[in-house]
């Protein structure tokens, strides 16, 4: 049965992160992405659009959500290869945080050796590691919109066809880009 969707602004959020990395002087920006699907596809589109608009070569690296150790290993491996990226956009804050910690343990300096950004804006991550650059999803706005849609469905004020409401977030600039 079709139903309304309330979603984060995945495409624009990744676009904002890529533009911020470029504003900070990054030119070889890799995007580590999660499993293909709705959110990942939109995030990849935002990333590719920015890279194309700036005349930069995109580099997509398949990864997984919430696997910072894997992401850190992929980054370490890629940094050891010819023409490595100078910045990595990760699939989520957990992965970004774990990648930063592991890369620092390996002797790399963040952001001097490699810029890192997450995606989520989880409050606990910002409290634990306020330096992390990330895109903050507007979870409160998503929750409010979801309640509003549910109440409208209950009261039959909207039809049950599939619709999409995109809730925008904001950049948390941090210091890791």
C-alpha atoms as a PDB file:
ATOM      1  CA  UNK A   1       0.000   0.000   0.000  1.00  0.00           C
ATOM      2  CA  UNK A   2       1.578   3.335  -0.989  1.00  0.00           C
ATOM      3  CA  UNK A   3       2.354   5.799   1.759  1.00  0.00           C
ATOM      4  CA  UNK A   4       3.967   9.200   2.189  1.00  0.00           C
ATOM      5  CA  UNK A   5       7.717   9.356   2.811  1.00  0.00           C
ATOM      6  CA  UNK A   6       9.449  11.844   5.094  1.00  0.00           C
ATOM      7  CA  UNK A   7      13.156  11.918   4.305  1.00  0.00           C
ATOM      8  CA  UNK A   8      16.342  13.814   4.975  1.00  0.00           C
ATOM      9  CA  UNK A   9      17.770  15.965   2.201  1.00  0.00           C
ATOM     10  CA  UNK A  10      20.415  13.425   1.235  1.00  0.00           C
ATOM     11  CA  UNK A  11      21.263  14.935  -2.139  1.00  0.00           C
ATOM     12  CA  UNK A  12      21.636  18.517  -0.983  1.00  0.00           C
ATOM     13  CA  UNK A  13      23.381  17.475   2.231  1.00  0.00           C
ATOM     14  CA  UNK A  14      26.144  15.711   0.343  1.00  0.00           C
ATOM     15  CA  UNK A  15      26.310  18.595  -2.119  1.00  0.00           C
ATOM     16  CA  UNK A  16      26.841  20.997   0.801  1.00  0.00           C
ATOM     17  CA  UNK A  17      29.622  18.812   2.253  1.00  0.00           C
ATOM     18  CA  UNK A  18      31.422  18.525  -1.098  1.00  0.00           C
ATOM     19  CA  UNK A  19      31.148  22.280  -1.683  1.00  0.00           C
ATOM     20  CA  UNK A  20      32.533  22.979   1.796  1.00  0.00           C
ATOM     21  CA  UNK A  21      35.467  20.650   1.152  1.00  0.00           C
ATOM     22  CA  UNK A  22      36.188  22.493  -2.101  1.00  0.00           C
ATOM     23  CA  UNK A  23      35.842  25.857  -0.353  1.00  0.00           C
ATOM     24  CA  UNK A  24      38.532  24.662   2.070  1.00  0.00           C
ATOM     25  CA  UNK A  25      40.884  23.857  -0.805  1.00  0.00           C
ATOM     26  CA  UNK A  26      40.200  20.165  -1.369  1.00  0.00           C
ATOM     27  CA  UNK A  27      40.280  19.020  -4.999  1.00  0.00           C
ATOM     28  CA  UNK A  28      40.577  15.225  -4.870  1.00  0.00           C
ATOM     29  CA  UNK A  29      37.487  14.304  -2.897  1.00  0.00           C
ATOM     30  CA  UNK A  30      36.500  10.654  -2.548  1.00  0.00           C
ATOM     31  CA  UNK A  31      33.024   9.589  -1.493  1.00  0.00           C
ATOM     32  CA  UNK A  32      32.793   6.387   0.531  1.00  0.00           C
ATOM     33  CA  UNK A  33      29.235   5.231   0.139  1.00  0.00           C
ATOM     34  CA  UNK A  34      26.980   2.659   1.737  1.00  0.00           C
ATOM     35  CA  UNK A  35      24.845   0.053   0.051  1.00  0.00           C
ATOM     36  CA  UNK A  36      23.040   1.221  -3.073  1.00  0.00           C
ATOM     37  CA  UNK A  37      19.498   2.354  -2.464  1.00  0.00           C
ATOM     38  CA  UNK A  38      17.347   5.438  -2.090  1.00  0.00           C
ATOM     39  CA  UNK A  39      19.551   7.488   0.281  1.00  0.00           C
ATOM     40  CA  UNK A  40      22.884   6.406  -1.195  1.00  0.00           C
ATOM     41  CA  UNK A  41      21.750   7.060  -4.761  1.00  0.00           C
ATOM     42  CA  UNK A  42      20.671  10.611  -3.858  1.00  0.00           C
ATOM     43  CA  UNK A  43      23.880  11.273  -1.952  1.00  0.00           C
ATOM     44  CA  UNK A  44      25.953  10.024  -4.888  1.00  0.00           C
ATOM     45  CA  UNK A  45      24.008  12.325  -7.221  1.00  0.00           C
ATOM     46  CA  UNK A  46      24.696  15.365  -5.033  1.00  0.00           C
ATOM     47  CA  UNK A  47      28.399  14.487  -4.872  1.00  0.00           C
ATOM     48  CA  UNK A  48      28.697  13.841  -8.616  1.00  0.00           C
ATOM     49  CA  UNK A  49      26.844  17.063  -9.469  1.00  0.00           C
ATOM     50  CA  UNK A  50      29.269  19.180  -7.429  1.00  0.00           C
ATOM     51  CA  UNK A  51      32.330  17.421  -8.786  1.00  0.00           C
ATOM     52  CA  UNK A  52      31.106  17.851 -12.383  1.00  0.00           C
ATOM     53  CA  UNK A  53      30.197  21.514 -11.849  1.00  0.00           C
ATOM     54  CA  UNK A  54      33.708  22.195 -10.509  1.00  0.00           C
ATOM     55  CA  UNK A  55      35.429  20.137 -13.218  1.00  0.00           C
ATOM     56  CA  UNK A  56      36.781  17.667 -10.658  1.00  0.00           C
ATOM     57  CA  UNK A  57      37.084  13.899 -11.041  1.00  0.00           C
ATOM     58  CA  UNK A  58      34.738  11.965  -8.750  1.00  0.00           C
ATOM     59  CA  UNK A  59      36.011   8.912  -6.927  1.00  0.00           C
ATOM     60  CA  UNK A  60      33.435   6.542  -5.490  1.00  0.00           C
ATOM     61  CA  UNK A  61      34.592   3.957  -2.954  1.00  0.00           C
ATOM     62  CA  UNK A  62      32.071   1.305  -1.902  1.00  0.00           C
ATOM     63  CA  UNK A  63      32.005   0.956   1.883  1.00  0.00           C
ATOM     64  CA  UNK A  64      29.352   0.158   4.483  1.00  0.00           C
ATOM     65  CA  UNK A  65      27.419   2.179   7.008  1.00  0.00           C
ATOM     66  CA  UNK A  66      28.676   2.182  10.607  1.00  0.00           C
ATOM     67  CA  UNK A  67      31.871   0.296   9.842  1.00  0.00           C
ATOM     68  CA  UNK A  68      34.542   2.838  10.716  1.00  0.00           C
ATOM     69  CA  UNK A  69      37.278   0.227  10.853  1.00  0.00           C
ATOM     70  CA  UNK A  70      36.544  -0.820   7.284  1.00  0.00           C
ATOM     71  CA  UNK A  71      36.334   2.814   6.178  1.00  0.00           C
ATOM     72  CA  UNK A  72      39.646   3.627   7.893  1.00  0.00           C
ATOM     73  CA  UNK A  73      41.305   0.658   6.170  1.00  0.00           C
ATOM     74  CA  UNK A  74      39.912   1.700   2.780  1.00  0.00           C
ATOM     75  CA  UNK A  75      41.211   5.241   3.361  1.00  0.00           C
ATOM     76  CA  UNK A  76      44.645   4.043   4.516  1.00  0.00           C
ATOM     77  CA  UNK A  77      44.907   1.784   1.466  1.00  0.00           C
ATOM     78  CA  UNK A  78      43.838   4.558  -0.904  1.00  0.00           C
ATOM     79  CA  UNK A  79      46.262   7.064   0.672  1.00  0.00           C
ATOM     80  CA  UNK A  80      49.093   4.631  -0.093  1.00  0.00           C
ATOM     81  CA  UNK A  81      48.229   4.502  -3.804  1.00  0.00           C
ATOM     82  CA  UNK A  82      49.168   6.960  -6.575  1.00  0.00           C
ATOM     83  CA  UNK A  83      47.278  10.280  -6.684  1.00  0.00           C
ATOM     84  CA  UNK A  84      45.372   9.756  -3.428  1.00  0.00           C
ATOM     85  CA  UNK A  85      42.354  11.857  -2.467  1.00  0.00           C
ATOM     86  CA  UNK A  86      42.945  14.761  -0.121  1.00  0.00           C
ATOM     87  CA  UNK A  87      39.470  14.413   1.388  1.00  0.00           C
ATOM     88  CA  UNK A  88      37.025  11.621   2.187  1.00  0.00           C
ATOM     89  CA  UNK A  89      33.273  11.981   2.620  1.00  0.00           C
ATOM     90  CA  UNK A  90      32.056   9.059   4.730  1.00  0.00           C
ATOM     91  CA  UNK A  91      28.640   7.393   4.824  1.00  0.00           C
ATOM     92  CA  UNK A  92      27.836   8.363   8.423  1.00  0.00           C
ATOM     93  CA  UNK A  93      29.216  10.011  11.560  1.00  0.00           C
ATOM     94  CA  UNK A  94      30.052   6.722  13.288  1.00  0.00           C
ATOM     95  CA  UNK A  95      32.262   5.668  10.394  1.00  0.00           C
ATOM     96  CA  UNK A  96      33.843   9.112  10.171  1.00  0.00           C
ATOM     97  CA  UNK A  97      34.604   9.202  13.885  1.00  0.00           C
ATOM     98  CA  UNK A  98      36.151   5.727  13.916  1.00  0.00           C
ATOM     99  CA  UNK A  99      38.100   6.498  10.731  1.00  0.00           C
ATOM    100  CA  UNK A 100      39.520   9.701  12.254  1.00  0.00           C
ATOM    101  CA  UNK A 101      40.608   7.836  15.393  1.00  0.00           C
ATOM    102  CA  UNK A 102      42.228   4.973  13.488  1.00  0.00           C
ATOM    103  CA  UNK A 103      43.959   7.263  11.013  1.00  0.00           C
ATOM    104  CA  UNK A 104      45.379   9.336  13.872  1.00  0.00           C
ATOM    105  CA  UNK A 105      46.643   6.137  15.530  1.00  0.00           C
ATOM    106  CA  UNK A 106      48.366   5.322  12.233  1.00  0.00           C
ATOM    107  CA  UNK A 107      50.205   8.657  12.425  1.00  0.00           C
ATOM    108  CA  UNK A 108      48.091  10.614   9.936  1.00  0.00           C
ATOM    109  CA  UNK A 109      47.086  14.171  10.711  1.00  0.00           C
ATOM    110  CA  UNK A 110      43.478  15.216  10.228  1.00  0.00           C
ATOM    111  CA  UNK A 111      42.874  17.458   8.288  1.00  0.00           C
ATOM    112  CA  UNK A 112      46.470  18.085   7.134  1.00  0.00           C
ATOM    113  CA  UNK A 113      47.013  14.628   5.588  1.00  0.00           C
ATOM    114  CA  UNK A 114      43.379  13.898   4.782  1.00  0.00           C
ATOM    115  CA  UNK A 115      40.107  15.723   5.286  1.00  0.00           C
ATOM    116  CA  UNK A 116      37.218  13.701   6.733  1.00  0.00           C
ATOM    117  CA  UNK A 117      33.487  14.441   6.912  1.00  0.00           C
ATOM    118  CA  UNK A 118      30.581  12.408   8.207  1.00  0.00           C
ATOM    119  CA  UNK A 119      26.853  12.578   7.582  1.00  0.00           C
ATOM    120  CA  UNK A 120      24.154  12.568  10.250  1.00  0.00           C
ATOM    121  CA  UNK A 121      25.025  15.211  12.798  1.00  0.00           C
ATOM    122  CA  UNK A 122      24.358  12.889  15.700  1.00  0.00           C
ATOM    123  CA  UNK A 123      24.361  14.916  18.897  1.00  0.00           C
ATOM    124  CA  UNK A 124      26.409  12.376  20.853  1.00  0.00           C
ATOM    125  CA  UNK A 125      29.118  12.476  18.165  1.00  0.00           C
ATOM    126  CA  UNK A 126      29.189  16.284  18.208  1.00  0.00           C
ATOM    127  CA  UNK A 127      29.447  16.199  22.022  1.00  0.00           C
ATOM    128  CA  UNK A 128      32.176  13.538  21.993  1.00  0.00           C
ATOM    129  CA  UNK A 129      34.166  14.882  19.043  1.00  0.00           C
ATOM    130  CA  UNK A 130      33.034  18.438  18.218  1.00  0.00           C
ATOM    131  CA  UNK A 131      35.784  18.807  15.613  1.00  0.00           C
ATOM    132  CA  UNK A 132      34.043  16.403  13.199  1.00  0.00           C
ATOM    133  CA  UNK A 133      32.742  18.092  10.054  1.00  0.00           C
ATOM    134  CA  UNK A 134      29.335  16.681   9.146  1.00  0.00           C
ATOM    135  CA  UNK A 135      25.936  17.368   7.663  1.00  0.00           C
ATOM    136  CA  UNK A 136      23.313  17.462  10.408  1.00  0.00           C
ATOM    137  CA  UNK A 137      20.045  15.839   9.478  1.00  0.00           C
ATOM    138  CA  UNK A 138      17.029  17.636  10.931  1.00  0.00           C
ATOM    139  CA  UNK A 139      15.660  14.702  12.905  1.00  0.00           C
ATOM    140  CA  UNK A 140      13.254  16.892  14.849  1.00  0.00           C
ATOM    141  CA  UNK A 141      11.847  18.273  11.595  1.00  0.00           C
ATOM    142  CA  UNK A 142      11.542  14.759  10.171  1.00  0.00           C
ATOM    143  CA  UNK A 143       9.701  13.606  13.285  1.00  0.00           C
ATOM    144  CA  UNK A 144       7.331  16.581  13.252  1.00  0.00           C
ATOM    145  CA  UNK A 145       6.555  16.112   9.560  1.00  0.00           C
ATOM    146  CA  UNK A 146       5.960  12.390  10.104  1.00  0.00           C
ATOM    147  CA  UNK A 147       3.501  13.041  12.938  1.00  0.00           C
ATOM    148  CA  UNK A 148       1.709  15.652  10.836  1.00  0.00           C
ATOM    149  CA  UNK A 149       1.394  13.213   7.910  1.00  0.00           C
ATOM    150  CA  UNK A 150       0.180  10.412  10.160  1.00  0.00           C
ATOM    151  CA  UNK A 151      -2.463  12.641  11.715  1.00  0.00           C
ATOM    152  CA  UNK A 152      -3.569  13.776   8.259  1.00  0.00           C
ATOM    153  CA  UNK A 153      -3.810  10.161   7.132  1.00  0.00           C
ATOM    154  CA  UNK A 154      -5.803   9.276  10.214  1.00  0.00           C
ATOM    155  CA  UNK A 155      -8.153  12.204   9.587  1.00  0.00           C
ATOM    156  CA  UNK A 156      -8.272  11.400   5.842  1.00  0.00           C
ATOM    157  CA  UNK A 157      -6.980  14.893   4.989  1.00  0.00           C
ATOM    158  CA  UNK A 158      -4.467  13.519   2.490  1.00  0.00           C
ATOM    159  CA  UNK A 159      -4.673  10.588   0.135  1.00  0.00           C
ATOM    160  CA  UNK A 160      -2.558   7.511   0.594  1.00  0.00           C
ATOM    161  CA  UNK A 161      -0.617   7.877  -2.616  1.00  0.00           C
ATOM    162  CA  UNK A 162       3.132   7.832  -2.420  1.00  0.00           C
ATOM    163  CA  UNK A 163       4.505  11.302  -1.811  1.00  0.00           C
ATOM    164  CA  UNK A 164       7.828  12.562  -0.604  1.00  0.00           C
ATOM    165  CA  UNK A 165       8.576  15.334   1.861  1.00  0.00           C
ATOM    166  CA  UNK A 166      12.231  16.338   2.020  1.00  0.00           C
ATOM    167  CA  UNK A 167      13.432  17.885   5.263  1.00  0.00           C
ATOM    168  CA  UNK A 168      16.620  19.882   4.957  1.00  0.00           C
ATOM    169  CA  UNK A 169      19.430  19.909   7.481  1.00  0.00           C
ATOM    170  CA  UNK A 170      22.529  22.045   7.873  1.00  0.00           C
ATOM    171  CA  UNK A 171      26.287  21.943   7.689  1.00  0.00           C
ATOM    172  CA  UNK A 172      28.220  21.516  10.912  1.00  0.00           C
ATOM    173  CA  UNK A 173      31.584  22.813   9.649  1.00  0.00           C
ATOM    174  CA  UNK A 174      33.809  21.283  12.308  1.00  0.00           C
ATOM    175  CA  UNK A 175      37.557  21.134  11.761  1.00  0.00           C
ATOM    176  CA  UNK A 176      38.176  17.829   9.983  1.00  0.00           C
ATOM    177  CA  UNK A 177      37.735  18.964   6.391  1.00  0.00           C
END
